[in-house]
PDB file of N, CA and C in Angstrom:
ATOM      1  N   MET A   1       9.197 -13.416  -8.767  1.00  0.00           N
ATOM      2  CA  MET A   1       8.330 -12.310  -9.095  1.00  0.00           C
ATOM      3  C   MET A   1       7.481 -11.962  -7.878  1.00  0.00           C
ATOM      4  N   GLY A   2       7.357 -10.686  -7.591  1.00  0.00           N
ATOM      5  CA  GLY A   2       6.574 -10.221  -6.454  1.00  0.00           C
ATOM      6  C   GLY A   2       5.082 -10.298  -6.723  1.00  0.00           C
ATOM      7  N   LYS A   3       4.329  -9.875  -5.748  1.00  0.00           N
ATOM      8  CA  LYS A   3       2.879  -9.890  -5.849  1.00  0.00           C
ATOM      9  C   LYS A   3       2.383  -8.713  -6.686  1.00  0.00           C
ATOM     10  N   THR A   4       1.188  -8.891  -7.242  1.00  0.00           N
ATOM     11  CA  THR A   4       0.554  -7.815  -8.007  1.00  0.00           C
ATOM     12  C   THR A   4      -0.030  -6.789  -7.034  1.00  0.00           C
ATOM     13  N   PHE A   5      -0.446  -5.642  -7.571  1.00  0.00           N
ATOM     14  CA  PHE A   5      -1.075  -4.624  -6.734  1.00  0.00           C
ATOM     15  C   PHE A   5      -2.350  -5.157  -6.082  1.00  0.00           C
ATOM     16  N   ASN A   6      -3.133  -5.937  -6.805  1.00  0.00           N
ATOM     17  CA  ASN A   6      -4.363  -6.501  -6.236  1.00  0.00           C
ATOM     18  C   ASN A   6      -4.054  -7.460  -5.092  1.00  0.00           C
ATOM     19  N   GLU A   7      -3.051  -8.303  -5.274  1.00  0.00           N
ATOM     20  CA  GLU A   7      -2.653  -9.225  -4.207  1.00  0.00           C
ATOM     21  C   GLU A   7      -2.134  -8.463  -2.996  1.00  0.00           C
ATOM     22  N   LEU A   8      -1.365  -7.419  -3.242  1.00  0.00           N
ATOM     23  CA  LEU A   8      -0.865  -6.598  -2.140  1.00  0.00           C
ATOM     24  C   LEU A   8      -2.017  -5.922  -1.398  1.00  0.00           C
ATOM     25  N   ALA A   9      -3.011  -5.433  -2.120  1.00  0.00           N
ATOM     26  CA  ALA A   9      -4.164  -4.787  -1.485  1.00  0.00           C
ATOM     27  C   ALA A   9      -4.922  -5.778  -0.600  1.00  0.00           C
ATOM     28  N   LEU A  10      -5.089  -6.990  -1.081  1.00  0.00           N
ATOM     29  CA  LEU A  10      -5.762  -8.014  -0.271  1.00  0.00           C
ATOM     30  C   LEU A  10      -4.951  -8.341   0.980  1.00  0.00           C
ATOM     31  N   ASP A  11      -3.642  -8.442   0.831  1.00  0.00           N
ATOM     32  CA  ASP A  11      -2.780  -8.697   1.987  1.00  0.00           C
ATOM     33  C   ASP A  11      -2.856  -7.561   3.002  1.00  0.00           C
ATOM     34  N   LEU A  12      -2.845  -6.328   2.516  1.00  0.00           N
ATOM     35  CA  LEU A  12      -2.928  -5.175   3.419  1.00  0.00           C
ATOM     36  C   LEU A  12      -4.273  -5.152   4.129  1.00  0.00           C
ATOM     37  N   LYS A  13      -5.338  -5.443   3.405  1.00  0.00           N
ATOM     38  CA  LYS A  13      -6.669  -5.495   4.023  1.00  0.00           C
ATOM     39  C   LYS A  13      -6.677  -6.526   5.153  1.00  0.00           C
ATOM     40  N   ASP A  14      -6.170  -7.717   4.888  1.00  0.00           N
ATOM     41  CA  ASP A  14      -6.116  -8.765   5.908  1.00  0.00           C
ATOM     42  C   ASP A  14      -5.274  -8.323   7.104  1.00  0.00           C
ATOM     43  N   TYR A  15      -4.158  -7.658   6.830  1.00  0.00           N
ATOM     44  CA  TYR A  15      -3.263  -7.195   7.895  1.00  0.00           C
ATOM     45  C   TYR A  15      -3.975  -6.192   8.797  1.00  0.00           C
ATOM     46  N   ILE A  16      -4.640  -5.207   8.195  1.00  0.00           N
ATOM     47  CA  ILE A  16      -5.324  -4.177   8.984  1.00  0.00           C
ATOM     48  C   ILE A  16      -6.486  -4.784   9.768  1.00  0.00           C
ATOM     49  N   VAL A  17      -7.263  -5.654   9.130  1.00  0.00           N
ATOM     50  CA  VAL A  17      -8.387  -6.286   9.819  1.00  0.00           C
ATOM     51  C   VAL A  17      -7.880  -7.094  11.004  1.00  0.00           C
ATOM     52  N   GLU A  18      -6.775  -7.790  10.824  1.00  0.00           N
ATOM     53  CA  GLU A  18      -6.182  -8.558  11.924  1.00  0.00           C
ATOM     54  C   GLU A  18      -5.770  -7.636  13.071  1.00  0.00           C
ATOM     55  N   LYS A  19      -5.175  -6.513  12.747  1.00  0.00           N
ATOM     56  CA  LYS A  19      -4.784  -5.545  13.778  1.00  0.00           C
ATOM     57  C   LYS A  19      -6.006  -4.998  14.509  1.00  0.00           C
ATOM     58  N   HIS A  20      -7.095  -4.776  13.788  1.00  0.00           N
ATOM     59  CA  HIS A  20      -8.323  -4.267  14.391  1.00  0.00           C
ATOM     60  C   HIS A  20      -9.035  -5.326  15.225  1.00  0.00           C
ATOM     61  N   SER A  21      -8.754  -6.601  14.975  1.00  0.00           N
ATOM     62  CA  SER A  21      -9.455  -7.658  15.702  1.00  0.00           C
ATOM     63  C   SER A  21      -9.143  -7.622  17.194  1.00  0.00           C
ATOM     64  N   ASN A  22      -8.097  -6.910  17.572  1.00  0.00           N
ATOM     65  CA  ASN A  22      -7.773  -6.762  18.985  1.00  0.00           C
ATOM     66  C   ASN A  22      -8.765  -5.853  19.704  1.00  0.00           C
ATOM     67  N   TYR A  23      -9.530  -5.080  18.938  1.00  0.00           N
ATOM     68  CA  TYR A  23     -10.497  -4.152  19.516  1.00  0.00           C
ATOM     69  C   TYR A  23     -11.899  -4.708  19.332  1.00  0.00           C
ATOM     70  N   ARG A  24     -12.655  -4.738  20.390  1.00  0.00           N
ATOM     71  CA  ARG A  24     -13.997  -5.330  20.385  1.00  0.00           C
ATOM     72  C   ARG A  24     -14.902  -4.639  19.356  1.00  0.00           C
ATOM     73  N   GLY A  25     -15.482  -5.434  18.460  1.00  0.00           N
ATOM     74  CA  GLY A  25     -16.461  -4.926  17.511  1.00  0.00           C
ATOM     75  C   GLY A  25     -15.901  -4.302  16.245  1.00  0.00           C
ATOM     76  N   LEU A  26     -14.609  -4.066  16.170  1.00  0.00           N
ATOM     77  CA  LEU A  26     -14.054  -3.396  14.991  1.00  0.00           C
ATOM     78  C   LEU A  26     -13.791  -4.342  13.830  1.00  0.00           C
ATOM     79  N   LYS A  27     -13.629  -5.636  14.106  1.00  0.00           N
ATOM     80  CA  LYS A  27     -13.291  -6.565  13.031  1.00  0.00           C
ATOM     81  C   LYS A  27     -14.390  -6.593  11.971  1.00  0.00           C
ATOM     82  N   HIS A  28     -15.643  -6.661  12.359  1.00  0.00           N
ATOM     83  CA  HIS A  28     -16.740  -6.705  11.395  1.00  0.00           C
ATOM     84  C   HIS A  28     -16.808  -5.398  10.591  1.00  0.00           C
ATOM     85  N   LEU A  29     -16.655  -4.272  11.261  1.00  0.00           N
ATOM     86  CA  LEU A  29     -16.668  -2.989  10.564  1.00  0.00           C
ATOM     87  C   LEU A  29     -15.504  -2.887   9.587  1.00  0.00           C
ATOM     88  N   SER A  30     -14.361  -3.423   9.964  1.00  0.00           N
ATOM     89  CA  SER A  30     -13.173  -3.335   9.127  1.00  0.00           C
ATOM     90  C   SER A  30     -13.350  -4.072   7.815  1.00  0.00           C
ATOM     91  N   LEU A  31     -14.002  -5.213   7.855  1.00  0.00           N
ATOM     92  CA  LEU A  31     -14.192  -5.977   6.622  1.00  0.00           C
ATOM     93  C   LEU A  31     -14.912  -5.149   5.570  1.00  0.00           C
ATOM     94  N   GLN A  32     -15.939  -4.421   5.969  1.00  0.00           N
ATOM     95  CA  GLN A  32     -16.676  -3.591   5.022  1.00  0.00           C
ATOM     96  C   GLN A  32     -15.877  -2.364   4.615  1.00  0.00           C
ATOM     97  N   ARG A  33     -15.226  -1.742   5.569  1.00  0.00           N
ATOM     98  CA  ARG A  33     -14.510  -0.496   5.307  1.00  0.00           C
ATOM     99  C   ARG A  33     -13.368  -0.671   4.310  1.00  0.00           C
ATOM    100  N   TYR A  34     -12.695  -1.801   4.360  1.00  0.00           N
ATOM    101  CA  TYR A  34     -11.490  -1.992   3.552  1.00  0.00           C
ATOM    102  C   TYR A  34     -11.747  -2.731   2.243  1.00  0.00           C
ATOM    103  N   ASN A  35     -13.006  -2.927   1.871  1.00  0.00           N
ATOM    104  CA  ASN A  35     -13.308  -3.565   0.584  1.00  0.00           C
ATOM    105  C   ASN A  35     -12.814  -2.733  -0.589  1.00  0.00           C
ATOM    106  N   ASN A  36     -12.687  -1.419  -0.417  1.00  0.00           N
ATOM    107  CA  ASN A  36     -12.254  -0.551  -1.514  1.00  0.00           C
ATOM    108  C   ASN A  36     -10.801  -0.105  -1.373  1.00  0.00           C
ATOM    109  N   LEU A  37     -10.015  -0.794  -0.581  1.00  0.00           N
ATOM    110  CA  LEU A  37      -8.600  -0.458  -0.397  1.00  0.00           C
ATOM    111  C   LEU A  37      -7.832  -0.750  -1.694  1.00  0.00           C
ATOM    112  N   THR A  38      -6.988   0.196  -2.110  1.00  0.00           N
ATOM    113  CA  THR A  38      -6.176  -0.012  -3.312  1.00  0.00           C
ATOM    114  C   THR A  38      -4.716   0.309  -3.039  1.00  0.00           C
ATOM    115  N   VAL A  39      -3.864  -0.354  -3.780  1.00  0.00           N
ATOM    116  CA  VAL A  39      -2.415  -0.141  -3.739  1.00  0.00           C
ATOM    117  C   VAL A  39      -1.987   0.152  -5.171  1.00  0.00           C
ATOM    118  N   SER A  40      -1.222   1.234  -5.358  1.00  0.00           N
ATOM    119  CA  SER A  40      -0.788   1.589  -6.710  1.00  0.00           C
ATOM    120  C   SER A  40       0.500   2.397  -6.663  1.00  0.00           C
ATOM    121  N   MET A  41       0.958   2.781  -7.843  1.00  0.00           N
ATOM    122  CA  MET A  41       2.115   3.661  -8.018  1.00  0.00           C
ATOM    123  C   MET A  41       1.830   4.580  -9.190  1.00  0.00           C
ATOM    124  N   ASN A  42       2.460   5.768  -9.181  1.00  0.00           N
ATOM    125  CA  ASN A  42       2.306   6.712 -10.280  1.00  0.00           C
ATOM    126  C   ASN A  42       3.667   7.355 -10.530  1.00  0.00           C
ATOM    127  N   SER A  43       4.425   6.779 -11.449  1.00  0.00           N
ATOM    128  CA  SER A  43       5.800   7.235 -11.664  1.00  0.00           C
ATOM    129  C   SER A  43       5.873   8.626 -12.283  1.00  0.00           C
ATOM    130  N   ARG A  44       4.815   9.056 -12.942  1.00  0.00           N
ATOM    131  CA  ARG A  44       4.824  10.412 -13.522  1.00  0.00           C
ATOM    132  C   ARG A  44       4.640  11.473 -12.443  1.00  0.00           C
ATOM    133  N   ARG A  45       3.835  11.165 -11.461  1.00  0.00           N
ATOM    134  CA  ARG A  45       3.580  12.137 -10.386  1.00  0.00           C
ATOM    135  C   ARG A  45       4.694  12.146  -9.349  1.00  0.00           C
ATOM    136  N   TYR A  46       5.194  10.969  -9.014  1.00  0.00           N
ATOM    137  CA  TYR A  46       6.274  10.832  -8.026  1.00  0.00           C
ATOM    138  C   TYR A  46       7.408  10.081  -8.712  1.00  0.00           C
ATOM    139  N   GLY A  47       8.514  10.734  -8.935  1.00  0.00           N
ATOM    140  CA  GLY A  47       9.602  10.139  -9.696  1.00  0.00           C
ATOM    141  C   GLY A  47      10.403   9.086  -8.967  1.00  0.00           C
ATOM    142  N   LYS A  48      10.314   9.062  -7.653  1.00  0.00           N
ATOM    143  CA  LYS A  48      11.088   8.112  -6.853  1.00  0.00           C
ATOM    144  C   LYS A  48      10.215   6.917  -6.480  1.00  0.00           C
ATOM    145  N   PRO A  49      10.851   5.786  -6.120  1.00  0.00           N
ATOM    146  CA  PRO A  49      10.070   4.610  -5.715  1.00  0.00           C
ATOM    147  C   PRO A  49       9.121   4.949  -4.563  1.00  0.00           C
ATOM    148  N   HIS A  50       7.856   4.546  -4.699  1.00  0.00           N
ATOM    149  CA  HIS A  50       6.825   4.886  -3.729  1.00  0.00           C
ATOM    150  C   HIS A  50       5.663   3.911  -3.859  1.00  0.00           C
ATOM    151  N   VAL A  51       4.730   4.024  -2.949  1.00  0.00           N
ATOM    152  CA  VAL A  51       3.479   3.284  -3.027  1.00  0.00           C
ATOM    153  C   VAL A  51       2.356   4.227  -2.600  1.00  0.00           C
ATOM    154  N   ILE A  52       1.236   4.137  -3.314  1.00  0.00           N
ATOM    155  CA  ILE A  52       0.055   4.933  -2.998  1.00  0.00           C
ATOM    156  C   ILE A  52      -0.991   3.986  -2.408  1.00  0.00           C
ATOM    157  N   ILE A  53      -1.458   4.311  -1.212  1.00  0.00           N
ATOM    158  CA  ILE A  53      -2.487   3.518  -0.550  1.00  0.00           C
ATOM    159  C   ILE A  53      -3.748   4.373  -0.454  1.00  0.00           C
ATOM    160  N   ARG A  54      -4.867   3.824  -0.946  1.00  0.00           N
ATOM    161  CA  ARG A  54      -6.160   4.516  -0.858  1.00  0.00           C
ATOM    162  C   ARG A  54      -7.122   3.655  -0.050  1.00  0.00           C
ATOM    163  N   VAL A  55      -7.781   4.292   0.914  1.00  0.00           N
ATOM    164  CA  VAL A  55      -8.836   3.645   1.691  1.00  0.00           C
ATOM    165  C   VAL A  55     -10.002   4.618   1.704  1.00  0.00           C
ATOM    166  N   GLY A  56     -11.057   4.283   0.962  1.00  0.00           N
ATOM    167  CA  GLY A  56     -12.185   5.204   0.855  1.00  0.00           C
ATOM    168  C   GLY A  56     -11.739   6.502   0.201  1.00  0.00           C
ATOM    169  N   ILE A  57     -11.978   7.623   0.875  1.00  0.00           N
ATOM    170  CA  ILE A  57     -11.585   8.923   0.327  1.00  0.00           C
ATOM    171  C   ILE A  57     -10.206   9.358   0.817  1.00  0.00           C
ATOM    172  N   SER A  58      -9.568   8.549   1.669  1.00  0.00           N
ATOM    173  CA  SER A  58      -8.241   8.878   2.185  1.00  0.00           C
ATOM    174  C   SER A  58      -7.166   8.281   1.289  1.00  0.00           C
ATOM    175  N   GLU A  59      -6.078   9.012   1.155  1.00  0.00           N
ATOM    176  CA  GLU A  59      -4.959   8.546   0.335  1.00  0.00           C
ATOM    177  C   GLU A  59      -3.664   9.018   0.966  1.00  0.00           C
ATOM    178  N   ALA A  60      -2.651   8.157   0.931  1.00  0.00           N
ATOM    179  CA  ALA A  60      -1.323   8.533   1.403  1.00  0.00           C
ATOM    180  C   ALA A  60      -0.284   7.903   0.481  1.00  0.00           C
ATOM    181  N   VAL A  61       0.838   8.603   0.342  1.00  0.00           N
ATOM    182  CA  VAL A  61       1.939   8.142  -0.495  1.00  0.00           C
ATOM    183  C   VAL A  61       3.150   7.949   0.407  1.00  0.00           C
ATOM    184  N   PHE A  62       3.796   6.779   0.293  1.00  0.00           N
ATOM    185  CA  PHE A  62       4.955   6.446   1.107  1.00  0.00           C
ATOM    186  C   PHE A  62       6.132   6.104   0.209  1.00  0.00           C
ATOM    187  N   SER A  63       7.301   6.607   0.568  1.00  0.00           N
ATOM    188  CA  SER A  63       8.501   6.252  -0.188  1.00  0.00           C
ATOM    189  C   SER A  63       8.913   4.833   0.182  1.00  0.00           C
ATOM    190  N   ILE A  64       9.547   4.177  -0.758  1.00  0.00           N
ATOM    191  CA  ILE A  64      10.132   2.869  -0.472  1.00  0.00           C
ATOM    192  C   ILE A  64      11.599   2.940  -0.859  1.00  0.00           C
ATOM    193  N   PRO A  65      12.488   2.329  -0.170  1.00  0.00           N
ATOM    194  CA  PRO A  65      12.302   1.336   0.888  1.00  0.00           C
ATOM    195  C   PRO A  65      12.264   1.921   2.307  1.00  0.00           C
ATOM    196  N   TYR A  66      12.328   3.227   2.474  1.00  0.00           N
ATOM    197  CA  TYR A  66      12.465   3.802   3.814  1.00  0.00           C
ATOM    198  C   TYR A  66      11.149   4.054   4.520  1.00  0.00           C
ATOM    199  N   VAL A  67      10.021   3.898   3.857  1.00  0.00           N
ATOM    200  CA  VAL A  67       8.679   4.025   4.412  1.00  0.00           C
ATOM    201  C   VAL A  67       8.475   5.383   5.097  1.00  0.00           C
ATOM    202  N   ASN A  68       8.847   6.435   4.394  1.00  0.00           N
ATOM    203  CA  ASN A  68       8.552   7.793   4.848  1.00  0.00           C
ATOM    204  C   ASN A  68       7.308   8.273   4.116  1.00  0.00           C
ATOM    205  N   LYS A  69       6.428   8.970   4.839  1.00  0.00           N
ATOM    206  CA  LYS A  69       5.229   9.499   4.188  1.00  0.00           C
ATOM    207  C   LYS A  69       5.621  10.699   3.342  1.00  0.00           C
ATOM    208  N   ILE A  70       5.203  10.696   2.078  1.00  0.00           N
ATOM    209  CA  ILE A  70       5.479  11.780   1.145  1.00  0.00           C
ATOM    210  C   ILE A  70       4.308  12.752   1.097  1.00  0.00           C
ATOM    211  N   ASP A  71       3.086  12.209   1.133  1.00  0.00           N
ATOM    212  CA  ASP A  71       1.903  13.045   0.922  1.00  0.00           C
ATOM    213  C   ASP A  71       0.690  12.349   1.519  1.00  0.00           C
ATOM    214  N   GLY A  72      -0.317  13.128   1.915  1.00  0.00           N
ATOM    215  CA  GLY A  72      -1.612  12.603   2.336  1.00  0.00           C
ATOM    216  C   GLY A  72      -1.627  12.069   3.748  1.00  0.00           C
ATOM    217  N   GLY A  73      -2.660  11.279   4.033  1.00  0.00           N
ATOM    218  CA  GLY A  73      -2.821  10.702   5.354  1.00  0.00           C
ATOM    219  C   GLY A  73      -3.927   9.672   5.372  1.00  0.00           C
ATOM    220  N   LEU A  74      -3.815   8.715   6.280  1.00  0.00           N
ATOM    221  CA  LEU A  74      -4.794   7.636   6.391  1.00  0.00           C
ATOM    222  C   LEU A  74      -5.423   7.556   7.777  1.00  0.00           C
ATOM    223  N   GLY A  75      -5.235   8.562   8.577  1.00  0.00           N
ATOM    224  CA  GLY A  75      -5.827   8.554   9.912  1.00  0.00           C
ATOM    225  C   GLY A  75      -5.260   7.453  10.782  1.00  0.00           C
ATOM    226  N   MET A  76      -6.150   6.788  11.514  1.00  0.00           N
ATOM    227  CA  MET A  76      -5.712   5.776  12.483  1.00  0.00           C
ATOM    228  C   MET A  76      -5.080   4.548  11.829  1.00  0.00           C
ATOM    229  N   ASP A  77      -5.307   4.334  10.545  1.00  0.00           N
ATOM    230  CA  ASP A  77      -4.739   3.170   9.865  1.00  0.00           C
ATOM    231  C   ASP A  77      -3.301   3.385   9.395  1.00  0.00           C
ATOM    232  N   GLU A  78      -2.842   4.608   9.428  1.00  0.00           N
ATOM    233  CA  GLU A  78      -1.526   4.930   8.864  1.00  0.00           C
ATOM    234  C   GLU A  78      -0.401   4.126   9.511  1.00  0.00           C
ATOM    235  N   ARG A  79      -0.439   3.960  10.813  1.00  0.00           N
ATOM    236  CA  ARG A  79       0.641   3.219  11.480  1.00  0.00           C
ATOM    237  C   ARG A  79       0.655   1.756  11.059  1.00  0.00           C
ATOM    238  N   TYR A  80      -0.540   1.172  10.862  1.00  0.00           N
ATOM    239  CA  TYR A  80      -0.601  -0.220  10.411  1.00  0.00           C
ATOM    240  C   TYR A  80      -0.084  -0.349   8.986  1.00  0.00           C
ATOM    241  N   VAL A  81      -0.423   0.601   8.145  1.00  0.00           N
ATOM    242  CA  VAL A  81       0.044   0.588   6.755  1.00  0.00           C
ATOM    243  C   VAL A  81       1.573   0.690   6.724  1.00  0.00           C
ATOM    244  N   MET A  82       2.131   1.581   7.520  1.00  0.00           N
ATOM    245  CA  MET A  82       3.588   1.747   7.541  1.00  0.00           C
ATOM    246  C   MET A  82       4.285   0.476   8.049  1.00  0.00           C
ATOM    247  N   GLN A  83       3.694  -0.174   9.043  1.00  0.00           N
ATOM    248  CA  GLN A  83       4.257  -1.439   9.532  1.00  0.00           C
ATOM    249  C   GLN A  83       4.233  -2.491   8.436  1.00  0.00           C
ATOM    250  N   TRP A  84       3.119  -2.570   7.721  1.00  0.00           N
ATOM    251  CA  TRP A  84       2.964  -3.560   6.652  1.00  0.00           C
ATOM    252  C   TRP A  84       3.953  -3.302   5.520  1.00  0.00           C
ATOM    253  N   ILE A  85       4.069  -2.041   5.098  1.00  0.00           N
ATOM    254  CA  ILE A  85       5.003  -1.709   4.014  1.00  0.00           C
ATOM    255  C   ILE A  85       6.427  -2.078   4.401  1.00  0.00           C
ATOM    256  N   GLY A  86       6.769  -1.911   5.667  1.00  0.00           N
ATOM    257  CA  GLY A  86       8.131  -2.148   6.131  1.00  0.00           C
ATOM    258  C   GLY A  86       8.558  -3.600   6.204  1.00  0.00           C
ATOM    259  N   THR A  87       7.650  -4.538   5.942  1.00  0.00           N
ATOM    260  CA  THR A  87       8.044  -5.948   5.983  1.00  0.00           C
ATOM    261  C   THR A  87       8.834  -6.305   4.723  1.00  0.00           C
ATOM    262  N   ASP A  88       9.751  -7.232   4.858  1.00  0.00           N
ATOM    263  CA  ASP A  88      10.641  -7.597   3.751  1.00  0.00           C
ATOM    264  C   ASP A  88       9.895  -8.083   2.507  1.00  0.00           C
ATOM    265  N   VAL A  89       8.894  -8.925   2.700  1.00  0.00           N
ATOM    266  CA  VAL A  89       8.160  -9.495   1.572  1.00  0.00           C
ATOM    267  C   VAL A  89       7.428  -8.394   0.804  1.00  0.00           C
ATOM    268  N   VAL A  90       6.808  -7.479   1.524  1.00  0.00           N
ATOM    269  CA  VAL A  90       6.063  -6.396   0.882  1.00  0.00           C
ATOM    270  C   VAL A  90       7.024  -5.450   0.162  1.00  0.00           C
ATOM    271  N   LEU A  91       8.113  -5.089   0.818  1.00  0.00           N
ATOM    272  CA  LEU A  91       9.099  -4.210   0.174  1.00  0.00           C
ATOM    273  C   LEU A  91       9.637  -4.816  -1.107  1.00  0.00           C
ATOM    274  N   GLN A  92       9.894  -6.121  -1.094  1.00  0.00           N
ATOM    275  CA  GLN A  92      10.393  -6.785  -2.301  1.00  0.00           C
ATOM    276  C   GLN A  92       9.357  -6.736  -3.419  1.00  0.00           C
ATOM    277  N   SER A  93       8.094  -6.989  -3.083  1.00  0.00           N
ATOM    278  CA  SER A  93       7.030  -6.945  -4.092  1.00  0.00           C
ATOM    279  C   SER A  93       6.857  -5.533  -4.643  1.00  0.00           C
ATOM    280  N   LEU A  94       6.921  -4.525  -3.784  1.00  0.00           N
ATOM    281  CA  LEU A  94       6.796  -3.143  -4.238  1.00  0.00           C
ATOM    282  C   LEU A  94       7.971  -2.748  -5.127  1.00  0.00           C
ATOM    283  N   ASN A  95       9.171  -3.166  -4.764  1.00  0.00           N
ATOM    284  CA  ASN A  95      10.342  -2.885  -5.604  1.00  0.00           C
ATOM    285  C   ASN A  95      10.207  -3.560  -6.968  1.00  0.00           C
ATOM    286  N   ASP A  96       9.696  -4.788  -6.978  1.00  0.00           N
ATOM    287  CA  ASP A  96       9.478  -5.491  -8.250  1.00  0.00           C
ATOM    288  C   ASP A  96       8.472  -4.742  -9.118  1.00  0.00           C
ATOM    289  N   GLN A  97       7.385  -4.258  -8.510  1.00  0.00           N
ATOM    290  CA  GLN A  97       6.382  -3.500  -9.264  1.00  0.00           C
ATOM    291  C   GLN A  97       6.968  -2.197  -9.816  1.00  0.00           C
ATOM    292  N   TRP A  98       7.802  -1.529  -9.014  1.00  0.00           N
ATOM    293  CA  TRP A  98       8.434  -0.283  -9.471  1.00  0.00           C
ATOM    294  C   TRP A  98       9.319  -0.554 -10.691  1.00  0.00           C
ATOM    295  N   LYS A  99      10.081  -1.634 -10.642  1.00  0.00           N
ATOM    296  CA  LYS A  99      10.945  -1.987 -11.766  1.00  0.00           C
ATOM    297  C   LYS A  99      10.129  -2.276 -13.026  1.00  0.00           C
ATOM    298  N   LEU A 100       9.002  -2.973 -12.867  1.00  0.00           N
ATOM    299  CA  LEU A 100       8.137  -3.256 -14.014  1.00  0.00           C
ATOM    300  C   LEU A 100       7.585  -1.970 -14.626  1.00  0.00           C
ATOM    301  N   ILE A 101       7.186  -1.037 -13.784  1.00  0.00           N
ATOM    302  CA  ILE A 101       6.667   0.244 -14.278  1.00  0.00           C
ATOM    303  C   ILE A 101       7.746   1.000 -15.043  1.00  0.00           C
ATOM    304  N   LYS A 102       8.945   1.042 -14.504  1.00  0.00           N
ATOM    305  CA  LYS A 102      10.037   1.761 -15.167  1.00  0.00           C
ATOM    306  C   LYS A 102      10.429   1.075 -16.477  1.00  0.00           C
ATOM    307  N   LEU A 103      10.426  -0.256 -16.522  1.00  0.00           N
ATOM    308  CA  LEU A 103      10.718  -0.983 -17.761  1.00  0.00           C
ATOM    309  C   LEU A 103       9.652  -0.689 -18.821  1.00  0.00           C
ATOM    310  N   ALA A 104       8.397  -0.647 -18.406  1.00  0.00           N
ATOM    311  CA  ALA A 104       7.313  -0.353 -19.345  1.00  0.00           C
ATOM    312  C   ALA A 104       7.455   1.048 -19.914  1.00  0.00           C
ATOM    313  N   GLU A 105       7.900   1.996 -19.096  1.00  0.00           N
ATOM    314  CA  GLU A 105       8.133   3.351 -19.582  1.00  0.00           C
ATOM    315  C   GLU A 105       9.232   3.386 -20.629  1.00  0.00           C
ATOM    316  N   LEU A 106      10.288   2.606 -20.415  1.00  0.00           N
ATOM    317  CA  LEU A 106      11.384   2.547 -21.380  1.00  0.00           C
ATOM    318  C   LEU A 106      10.924   1.939 -22.703  1.00  0.00           C
ATOM    319  N   ASP A 107      10.078   0.912 -22.604  1.00  0.00           N
ATOM    320  CA  ASP A 107       9.559   0.274 -23.818  1.00  0.00           C
ATOM    321  C   ASP A 107       8.671   1.198 -24.612  1.00  0.00           C
ATOM    322  N   ASN A 108       7.936   2.072 -23.916  1.00  0.00           N
ATOM    323  CA  ASN A 108       7.024   3.006 -24.583  1.00  0.00           C
ATOM    324  C   ASN A 108       7.712   4.256 -25.082  1.00  0.00           C
ATOM    325  N   ALA A 109       8.954   4.465 -24.679  1.00  0.00           N
ATOM    326  CA  ALA A 109       9.663   5.680 -25.087  1.00  0.00           C
ATOM    327  C   ALA A 109      10.167   5.612 -26.508  1.00  0.00           C
TER     328      ALA A 109
END
């Protein structure tokens, strides 16, 4: 079983903060900035497998497994998010979450 959305959000936060640690002074700012980072999916709005990443007021939607941006933007963090999504472990967890969402829809139908 893959990771939950909350676990994925924590992993993404750690990944971005680690990437920012290469820049002087950004690591401390990053910890505060990414406290509200969320990872989700909305099968009614986007019918194909995807992931929605929200950081503050910014939001972007990426298709999976090809990691193409469908909508929105995340500014300077977008490249880090795309790198993170493209890892095998994350893709597997996102695919597992998509399957769970689709199964739940079938059960509710």
